[in-house]
Amino acid sequence: MTKLKSAFAAIALAGAALSGSTAVAADISQPAQALTLTAGANFFGHVFDLGNSGNTFSDRYNFTSSGASSLVAQVSAISPASTDGIKITGFSLFNSGGLSLGGTKVLDGMVDLWTLTSTHLVPDSYYLLVTGQVLSAAPTSYSGTVITSAVPEPATYGMLVAGAILIAYRSRRRNDVA
């Protein structure tokens, strides 16, 4: 009888061990993608096929900045009313030296929306990192945009102020003559 109890205990323990190991989520990250920002903007995203419920992702989008610039980026996932879709858990900007800036979660739920803004990009290699989990077994996706623009040098602001003063002086002088 003791041998029978021991055998049942061993079978139960083996069954519990096997069932616990099958609950591991797969990493379905796509290979790093290169973003070309020659026009100052680009789109990015990832489409997930059928049957990826519970899997996680960590997608990387590489780009370079050749001069002082500012950056505005966003990533969003919209879930249909009948499914959960995607849960975005992070949106960050990294430079060649490490983490540069973490994103801000704006919306969470049926619509996941994260934004990221920086006015201090220096010439360097950067990448955006989008992390999350697919909650739906149905095909789903996320998409994002990144926009960079050159930051004017201090001399540009000085010329702008000098030009405004010159125009105001000429306008006032013209009014005094008339």
Protein backbone atom coordinates (compact mmCIF):
# COMPACT_ATOMS: atom_id res chain seq x y z
CA MET A 1 0.00 0.00 0.00
CA THR A 2 2.88 2.36 0.83
CA LYS A 3 4.46 1.65 -2.55
CA LEU A 4 1.17 2.52 -4.28
CA LYS A 5 0.90 5.84 -2.41
CA SER A 6 4.50 6.66 -3.29
CA ALA A 7 3.87 5.90 -6.96
CA PHE A 8 0.77 8.15 -7.05
CA ALA A 9 2.71 10.93 -5.30
CA ALA A 10 5.54 10.63 -7.85
CA ILE A 11 3.08 10.74 -10.77
CA ALA A 12 1.30 13.77 -9.30
CA LEU A 13 4.61 15.57 -8.72
CA ALA A 14 5.82 14.82 -12.25
CA GLY A 15 2.50 16.02 -13.71
CA ALA A 16 2.70 19.29 -11.76
CA ALA A 17 6.29 19.84 -12.86
CA LEU A 18 5.46 19.23 -16.52
CA SER A 19 2.38 21.45 -16.51
CA GLY A 20 4.28 24.32 -14.86
CA SER A 21 7.01 24.38 -17.49
CA THR A 22 4.60 24.84 -20.42
CA ALA A 23 3.44 28.29 -19.25
CA VAL A 24 6.57 30.14 -20.45
CA ALA A 25 5.89 32.98 -22.93
CA ALA A 26 7.84 33.00 -26.18
CA ASP A 27 9.89 36.01 -27.28
CA ILE A 28 8.53 37.09 -30.68
CA SER A 29 10.71 40.18 -31.14
CA GLN A 30 11.51 41.17 -34.68
CA PRO A 31 15.12 41.79 -35.76
CA ALA A 32 16.39 45.36 -35.27
CA GLN A 33 15.01 47.70 -37.93
CA ALA A 34 16.84 50.74 -39.39
CA LEU A 35 14.88 53.99 -39.59
CA THR A 36 15.96 56.52 -42.20
CA LEU A 37 15.19 60.05 -41.04
CA THR A 38 16.55 62.01 -44.02
CA ALA A 39 13.17 63.71 -44.44
CA GLY A 40 12.93 64.21 -40.68
CA ALA A 41 10.26 61.56 -40.06
CA ASN A 42 9.51 57.88 -40.43
CA PHE A 43 6.99 55.24 -39.41
CA PHE A 44 7.59 51.93 -37.65
CA GLY A 45 5.57 49.03 -36.31
CA HIS A 46 5.07 45.30 -35.97
CA VAL A 47 2.25 43.03 -37.17
CA PHE A 48 1.72 39.89 -35.07
CA ASP A 49 0.29 36.77 -36.70
CA LEU A 50 -2.49 34.55 -35.46
CA GLY A 51 -1.83 32.54 -32.28
CA ASN A 52 0.65 34.76 -30.39
CA SER A 53 -1.44 35.26 -27.25
CA GLY A 54 0.78 35.50 -24.15
CA ASN A 55 4.02 36.05 -26.09
CA THR A 56 6.29 39.02 -25.38
CA PHE A 57 8.27 41.31 -27.65
CA SER A 58 11.11 43.81 -27.45
CA ASP A 59 11.49 45.58 -30.80
CA ARG A 60 14.41 47.89 -31.63
CA TYR A 61 14.41 50.72 -34.22
CA ASN A 62 17.87 52.21 -35.00
CA PHE A 63 18.55 55.72 -36.33
CA THR A 64 21.32 58.33 -36.28
CA SER A 65 21.32 62.05 -35.61
CA SER A 66 23.96 64.00 -37.53
CA GLY A 67 23.41 67.34 -35.77
CA ALA A 68 21.74 68.93 -32.77
CA SER A 69 18.05 68.13 -33.05
CA SER A 70 14.80 67.59 -31.19
CA LEU A 71 12.73 64.41 -31.30
CA VAL A 72 9.04 63.64 -30.94
CA ALA A 73 7.98 59.98 -31.09
CA GLN A 74 4.84 58.01 -30.28
CA VAL A 75 3.73 54.40 -30.39
CA SER A 76 0.15 53.13 -30.16
CA ALA A 77 -1.88 49.94 -30.26
CA ILE A 78 -5.65 49.95 -30.68
CA SER A 79 -7.49 46.82 -29.55
CA PRO A 80 -10.80 45.83 -31.12
CA ALA A 81 -13.72 45.71 -28.67
CA SER A 82 -13.87 41.89 -28.87
CA THR A 83 -10.21 41.23 -27.98
CA ASP A 84 -7.49 42.52 -25.69
CA GLY A 85 -4.91 43.13 -28.46
CA ILE A 86 -1.50 44.33 -27.29
CA LYS A 87 -0.21 45.65 -23.96
CA ILE A 88 2.70 48.04 -24.53
CA THR A 89 4.83 47.98 -21.38
CA GLY A 90 7.64 50.34 -22.35
CA PHE A 91 8.86 52.89 -24.88
CA SER A 92 12.41 54.20 -24.46
CA LEU A 93 15.15 56.05 -26.32
CA PHE A 94 18.73 54.82 -25.99
CA ASN A 95 21.97 56.35 -27.27
CA SER A 96 25.38 54.70 -27.69
CA GLY A 97 26.10 55.26 -23.98
CA GLY A 98 22.89 53.74 -22.56
CA LEU A 99 19.43 54.90 -21.63
CA SER A 100 18.77 58.43 -22.71
CA LEU A 101 15.05 58.89 -22.06
CA GLY A 102 12.02 56.86 -20.99
CA GLY A 103 8.63 57.33 -22.62
CA THR A 104 5.40 58.45 -20.96
CA LYS A 105 2.28 56.29 -20.92
CA VAL A 106 -0.63 58.49 -22.05
CA LEU A 107 -3.40 55.89 -22.48
CA ASP A 108 -3.78 52.32 -21.22
CA GLY A 109 -6.55 49.86 -22.07
CA MET A 110 -8.40 49.57 -25.38
CA VAL A 111 -5.87 52.10 -26.70
CA ASP A 112 -2.27 51.98 -25.52
CA LEU A 113 -0.42 55.23 -26.31
CA TRP A 114 3.11 56.18 -25.30
CA THR A 115 4.97 59.39 -26.19
CA LEU A 116 8.60 60.43 -26.02
CA THR A 117 10.00 63.96 -26.45
CA SER A 118 13.55 65.28 -26.34
CA THR A 119 14.97 68.67 -27.31
CA HIS A 120 18.60 67.69 -26.73
CA LEU A 121 19.69 65.07 -29.25
CA VAL A 122 23.37 65.38 -30.11
CA PRO A 123 25.08 63.70 -33.07
CA ASP A 124 25.07 60.00 -32.12
CA SER A 125 23.55 56.59 -32.85
CA TYR A 126 20.17 56.05 -31.20
CA TYR A 127 17.46 53.44 -30.99
CA LEU A 128 13.86 53.32 -29.87
CA LEU A 129 12.84 50.24 -27.88
CA VAL A 130 9.20 49.12 -27.78
CA THR A 131 8.37 46.35 -25.28
CA GLY A 132 5.12 44.60 -24.57
CA GLN A 133 2.94 41.52 -24.62
CA VAL A 134 0.45 40.19 -27.16
CA LEU A 135 -2.82 39.47 -25.35
CA SER A 136 -4.94 38.35 -28.30
CA ALA A 137 -4.76 35.14 -30.29
CA ALA A 138 -6.09 37.10 -33.30
CA PRO A 139 -3.70 39.00 -35.61
CA THR A 140 -2.87 42.41 -34.13
CA SER A 141 -0.30 45.18 -34.47
CA TYR A 142 1.17 48.40 -33.12
CA SER A 143 2.50 51.40 -35.02
CA GLY A 144 4.51 54.49 -34.30
CA THR A 145 6.11 57.61 -35.71
CA VAL A 146 9.36 59.39 -35.05
CA ILE A 147 10.02 63.00 -36.09
CA THR A 148 13.28 64.91 -35.72
CA SER A 149 13.95 68.55 -36.47
CA ALA A 150 17.12 70.64 -36.33
CA VAL A 151 17.55 72.87 -33.30
CA PRO A 152 18.60 76.41 -34.28
CA GLU A 153 21.98 77.55 -33.02
CA PRO A 154 22.11 80.50 -30.56
CA ALA A 155 23.49 82.75 -33.33
CA THR A 156 20.28 82.15 -35.31
CA TYR A 157 18.20 83.49 -32.41
CA GLY A 158 20.51 86.52 -32.16
CA MET A 159 20.03 87.29 -35.85
CA LEU A 160 16.25 86.92 -35.45
CA VAL A 161 16.16 89.40 -32.55
CA ALA A 162 18.46 91.84 -34.37
CA GLY A 163 16.25 91.66 -37.47
CA ALA A 164 13.09 92.28 -35.42
CA ILE A 165 14.71 95.33 -33.76
CA LEU A 166 15.83 96.71 -37.13
CA ILE A 167 12.32 96.30 -38.60
CA ALA A 168 10.74 97.97 -35.55
CA TYR A 169 13.24 100.88 -35.76
CA ARG A 170 12.63 101.40 -39.50
CA SER A 171 8.86 101.20 -39.00
CA ARG A 172 8.93 103.73 -36.16
CA ARG A 173 11.25 106.07 -38.13
CA ARG A 174 8.91 105.89 -41.16
CA ASN A 175 5.92 106.81 -38.91
CA ASP A 176 7.86 109.79 -37.43
CA VAL A 177 8.67 111.17 -40.92
CA ALA A 178 5.06 110.92 -42.15
